């Protein structure tokens, strides 16, 4: 290997190591602070489900729940620094146009994920928890009832999975933009298959929500709005792509 290529590789590895060290230090610091406040976070999450009684079924389950919450919150708090370090590492290797596109995708993607997470936490969780609480205390012929005593670990898994699911679902515009840019999708194809998309959205809403119409509509409408926004952005990008091709 030529000396200049070896030097370039070593400099890239040193740069990567520096970025990783800074990101790791920020994550550990954020996780430590969050661990000290994890009890407050868990109490706030438990407060969302006032109709349930929570237990832990293993000696270390509550401690593990605190640690898991601290890790998740640490990632969230440290993410701006981690994202900035990642951007600083990949930025020199991109052209001006690629930098603009990458900055747009990263910023828009993070905003959509945050929007989906907030929507899940403030809208979806209260509806689903209310529905599941309505199943609590079912009466049987012999007078016995089933009371909900939920494991704190299972509850946290449910909350985290719900938030992550909707955070990822709200990334639909980013996926469609990237597929349009790669030439796999185009606005005409999206409009032609709109009815199938609407059907798929309502099926997904029925699967990930309790079986009541209100919850399904509440979930399906934002997804359809995102699809229409994605179609509009795809149309704009497609026209620009055609214009650049004709100009060249």
Protein backbone atom coordinates (compact mmCIF):
# COMPACT_ATOMS: atom_id res chain seq x y z
CA UNK A 1 0.00 0.00 0.00
CA UNK A 2 1.42 3.43 -0.95
CA UNK A 3 2.58 5.65 1.92
CA UNK A 4 0.06 8.42 1.22
CA UNK A 5 -2.86 5.95 1.27
CA UNK A 6 -1.57 4.46 4.53
CA UNK A 7 -1.29 7.93 6.07
CA UNK A 8 -4.83 8.80 4.93
CA UNK A 9 -6.23 5.56 6.38
CA UNK A 10 -4.46 6.15 9.72
CA UNK A 11 -5.74 9.74 9.86
CA UNK A 12 -9.30 8.52 9.18
CA UNK A 13 -9.00 5.89 11.91
CA UNK A 14 -7.65 8.47 14.37
CA UNK A 15 -10.49 10.82 13.49
CA UNK A 16 -13.02 8.00 13.95
CA UNK A 17 -11.48 7.07 17.32
CA UNK A 18 -11.69 10.70 18.48
CA UNK A 19 -15.36 10.97 17.46
CA UNK A 20 -16.20 7.65 19.15
CA UNK A 21 -14.45 8.66 22.38
CA UNK A 22 -16.32 11.99 22.54
CA UNK A 23 -19.63 10.24 21.82
CA UNK A 24 -18.95 7.54 24.43
CA UNK A 25 -18.01 10.10 27.11
CA UNK A 26 -21.18 12.11 26.44
CA UNK A 27 -23.32 8.98 26.50
CA UNK A 28 -21.84 7.72 29.80
CA UNK A 29 -22.23 11.17 31.39
CA UNK A 30 -25.84 11.46 30.17
CA UNK A 31 -26.64 7.90 31.30
CA UNK A 32 -25.19 8.59 34.76
CA UNK A 33 -27.34 11.68 35.19
CA UNK A 34 -30.40 9.81 33.90
CA UNK A 35 -29.72 6.89 36.25
CA UNK A 36 -29.83 9.30 39.18
CA UNK A 37 -33.25 10.51 37.92
CA UNK A 38 -34.57 7.16 36.64
CA UNK A 39 -36.95 6.75 39.57
CA UNK A 40 -38.61 10.06 38.63
CA UNK A 41 -38.93 8.94 34.99
CA UNK A 42 -40.43 5.57 35.93
CA UNK A 43 -42.92 7.23 38.29
CA UNK A 44 -43.97 9.52 35.43
CA UNK A 45 -44.39 6.55 33.06
CA UNK A 46 -46.34 4.59 35.66
CA UNK A 47 -48.55 7.65 36.15
CA UNK A 48 -49.78 7.14 32.57
CA UNK A 49 -51.42 3.87 33.68
CA UNK A 50 -53.29 4.83 36.83
CA UNK A 51 -55.75 1.93 36.46
CA UNK A 52 -53.03 -0.71 36.79
CA UNK A 53 -51.18 -2.06 39.78
CA UNK A 54 -47.49 -2.66 39.15
CA UNK A 55 -45.25 -5.30 40.67
CA UNK A 56 -41.81 -6.76 40.06
CA UNK A 57 -41.43 -10.53 40.04
CA UNK A 58 -37.66 -10.90 40.35
CA UNK A 59 -35.27 -9.40 42.94
CA UNK A 60 -33.30 -7.44 40.33
CA UNK A 61 -36.20 -6.57 38.00
CA UNK A 62 -36.75 -3.05 39.33
CA UNK A 63 -33.01 -2.29 39.25
CA UNK A 64 -32.82 -3.57 35.67
CA UNK A 65 -35.78 -1.33 34.81
CA UNK A 66 -33.94 1.69 36.26
CA UNK A 67 -30.80 0.84 34.29
CA UNK A 68 -32.73 0.31 31.06
CA UNK A 69 -34.51 3.63 31.43
CA UNK A 70 -31.16 5.30 32.15
CA UNK A 71 -29.65 3.81 28.96
CA UNK A 72 -32.60 4.87 26.78
CA UNK A 73 -32.71 8.38 28.26
CA UNK A 74 -28.91 8.59 27.99
CA UNK A 75 -29.09 7.84 24.27
CA UNK A 76 -31.83 10.47 23.81
CA UNK A 77 -29.94 13.15 25.77
CA UNK A 78 -26.58 12.40 24.14
CA UNK A 79 -28.00 11.96 20.64
CA UNK A 80 -27.41 15.58 19.50
CA UNK A 81 -23.72 15.20 20.36
CA UNK A 82 -23.51 11.72 18.81
CA UNK A 83 -25.27 12.97 15.66
CA UNK A 84 -22.97 15.99 15.43
CA UNK A 85 -19.86 13.81 15.81
CA UNK A 86 -21.15 11.44 13.12
CA UNK A 87 -21.85 14.38 10.81
CA UNK A 88 -18.38 15.86 11.38
CA UNK A 89 -16.82 12.52 10.48
CA UNK A 90 -18.73 11.92 7.22
CA UNK A 91 -18.97 15.57 6.13
CA UNK A 92 -15.47 15.96 4.57
CA UNK A 93 -16.10 13.03 2.21
CA UNK A 94 -19.30 14.50 0.75
CA UNK A 95 -19.83 16.95 -2.07
CA UNK A 96 -21.72 20.19 -1.42
CA UNK A 97 -24.91 18.74 -2.89
CA UNK A 98 -24.54 15.53 -0.87
CA UNK A 99 -23.97 17.55 2.32
CA UNK A 100 -27.18 19.48 1.76
CA UNK A 101 -29.14 16.29 1.06
CA UNK A 102 -27.64 14.44 4.05
CA UNK A 103 -28.27 17.37 6.40
CA UNK A 104 -31.90 17.55 5.22
CA UNK A 105 -32.47 13.81 5.66
CA UNK A 106 -30.88 13.73 9.13
CA UNK A 107 -32.69 16.83 10.40
CA UNK A 108 -36.06 15.94 8.87
CA UNK A 109 -35.69 12.31 9.97
CA UNK A 110 -34.96 13.24 13.60
CA UNK A 111 -37.86 15.70 13.64
CA UNK A 112 -40.26 13.05 12.29
CA UNK A 113 -39.04 10.43 14.76
CA UNK A 114 -39.50 12.89 17.63
CA UNK A 115 -42.97 13.79 16.35
CA UNK A 116 -43.94 10.11 16.13
CA UNK A 117 -42.60 9.43 19.62
CA UNK A 118 -44.51 12.35 21.15
CA UNK A 119 -47.67 11.30 19.29
CA UNK A 120 -47.32 7.75 20.63
CA UNK A 121 -46.70 8.92 24.20
CA UNK A 122 -49.37 11.61 24.39
CA UNK A 123 -52.12 10.11 22.19
CA UNK A 124 -51.67 6.40 21.49
CA UNK A 125 -50.60 5.22 24.96
CA UNK A 126 -53.52 6.81 26.86
CA UNK A 127 -56.02 5.24 24.42
CA UNK A 128 -54.47 1.78 24.47
CA UNK A 129 -53.99 1.77 28.24
CA UNK A 130 -57.57 2.90 28.76
CA UNK A 131 -58.78 0.07 26.53
CA UNK A 132 -56.68 -2.57 28.28
CA UNK A 133 -57.76 -1.25 31.68
CA UNK A 134 -61.35 -1.79 30.55
CA UNK A 135 -60.62 -5.51 30.32
CA UNK A 136 -59.51 -5.50 33.96
CA UNK A 137 -61.80 -7.04 36.53
CA UNK A 138 -63.73 -9.29 34.18
CA UNK A 139 -66.39 -11.31 36.09
CA UNK A 140 -66.85 -15.05 35.65
CA UNK A 141 -69.82 -17.23 36.49
CA UNK A 142 -68.36 -18.45 39.78
CA UNK A 143 -67.83 -14.89 41.02
CA UNK A 144 -64.08 -14.88 40.40
CA UNK A 145 -62.45 -11.90 38.79
CA UNK A 146 -59.17 -11.32 36.96
CA UNK A 147 -57.22 -8.39 38.35
CA UNK A 148 -54.34 -6.79 36.48
CA UNK A 149 -51.00 -6.92 38.32
CA UNK A 150 -48.55 -5.87 35.67
CA UNK A 151 -44.81 -6.48 35.81
CA UNK A 152 -42.96 -3.17 35.65
CA UNK A 153 -40.52 -4.67 33.14
CA UNK A 154 -43.34 -5.78 30.83
CA UNK A 155 -44.98 -2.37 31.10
CA UNK A 156 -41.77 -0.55 30.22
CA UNK A 157 -41.27 -2.92 27.26
CA UNK A 158 -44.78 -2.05 26.06
CA UNK A 159 -44.17 1.71 26.39
CA UNK A 160 -40.76 1.63 24.70
CA UNK A 161 -41.96 -0.62 21.85
CA UNK A 162 -44.98 1.61 21.24
CA UNK A 163 -42.86 4.76 21.12
CA UNK A 164 -40.24 3.16 18.85
CA UNK A 165 -42.91 1.74 16.52
CA UNK A 166 -44.54 5.11 15.95
CA UNK A 167 -41.20 6.86 15.73
CA UNK A 168 -40.28 4.50 12.88
CA UNK A 169 -43.74 4.72 11.23
CA UNK A 170 -43.38 8.50 11.09
CA UNK A 171 -40.18 8.01 9.06
CA UNK A 172 -42.35 7.15 6.04
CA UNK A 173 -41.59 10.42 4.20
CA UNK A 174 -37.84 9.84 4.53
CA UNK A 175 -38.14 6.31 3.12
CA UNK A 176 -40.25 7.50 0.19
CA UNK A 177 -37.85 10.39 -0.49
CA UNK A 178 -34.86 8.04 -0.57
CA UNK A 179 -36.66 5.51 -2.81
CA UNK A 180 -37.66 8.35 -5.16
CA UNK A 181 -34.08 9.59 -5.27
CA UNK A 182 -32.89 6.06 -6.12
CA UNK A 183 -35.47 5.83 -8.92
CA UNK A 184 -37.40 2.96 -7.31
CA UNK A 185 -40.54 5.07 -6.70
CA UNK A 186 -42.14 7.97 -8.57
CA UNK A 187 -45.19 10.17 -7.86
CA UNK A 188 -47.27 8.51 -10.59
CA UNK A 189 -46.74 5.08 -9.03
CA UNK A 190 -47.61 6.41 -5.56
CA UNK A 191 -50.83 8.04 -6.77
CA UNK A 192 -51.80 4.97 -8.80
CA UNK A 193 -51.49 2.74 -5.71
CA UNK A 194 -53.04 5.21 -3.23
CA UNK A 195 -56.08 2.95 -2.59
CA UNK A 196 -53.82 0.03 -1.67
CA UNK A 197 -51.80 2.28 0.63
CA UNK A 198 -54.99 3.42 2.40
CA UNK A 199 -56.04 -0.20 2.85
CA UNK A 200 -52.59 -1.16 4.16
CA UNK A 201 -52.58 1.79 6.58
CA UNK A 202 -55.91 0.77 8.11
CA UNK A 203 -54.74 -2.84 8.37
CA UNK A 204 -51.56 -1.71 10.15
CA UNK A 205 -53.61 0.56 12.42
CA UNK A 206 -55.91 -2.36 13.27
CA UNK A 207 -52.93 -4.58 14.11
CA UNK A 208 -50.99 -2.14 16.33
CA UNK A 209 -53.97 -0.66 18.19
CA UNK A 210 -56.77 -2.06 20.35
CA UNK A 211 -59.81 -3.30 18.38
CA UNK A 212 -61.91 -0.15 18.58
CA UNK A 213 -62.69 2.19 15.70
CA UNK A 214 -61.64 5.41 17.46
CA UNK A 215 -58.09 4.21 18.11
CA UNK A 216 -57.71 2.86 14.58
CA UNK A 217 -58.84 6.14 13.00
CA UNK A 218 -56.64 8.08 15.42
CA UNK A 219 -53.61 6.13 14.20
CA UNK A 220 -54.56 5.81 10.52
CA UNK A 221 -55.21 9.52 9.87
CA UNK A 222 -51.66 10.74 10.76
CA UNK A 223 -50.20 7.91 8.66
CA UNK A 224 -52.34 8.93 5.67
CA UNK A 225 -51.33 12.57 6.14
CA UNK A 226 -47.68 11.48 6.16
CA UNK A 227 -48.26 9.52 2.96
CA UNK A 228 -49.79 12.54 1.21
CA UNK A 229 -46.89 14.73 2.37
CA UNK A 230 -44.48 12.08 1.12
CA UNK A 231 -46.23 11.96 -2.26
CA UNK A 232 -46.00 15.75 -2.59
CA UNK A 233 -42.28 15.80 -1.67
CA UNK A 234 -41.66 12.90 -4.05
CA UNK A 235 -43.40 14.85 -6.84
CA UNK A 236 -41.23 17.93 -6.20
CA UNK A 237 -38.04 15.86 -6.17
CA UNK A 238 -39.06 13.94 -9.29
CA UNK A 239 -39.68 17.18 -11.24
CA UNK A 240 -36.32 18.55 -10.14
CA UNK A 241 -34.67 15.31 -11.18
CA UNK A 242 -36.25 15.51 -14.64
CA UNK A 243 -35.28 19.18 -14.98
CA UNK A 244 -31.64 18.43 -14.12
CA UNK A 245 -31.59 15.52 -16.58
CA UNK A 246 -32.97 17.71 -19.37
CA UNK A 247 -30.54 20.54 -18.55
CA UNK A 248 -27.59 18.17 -18.82
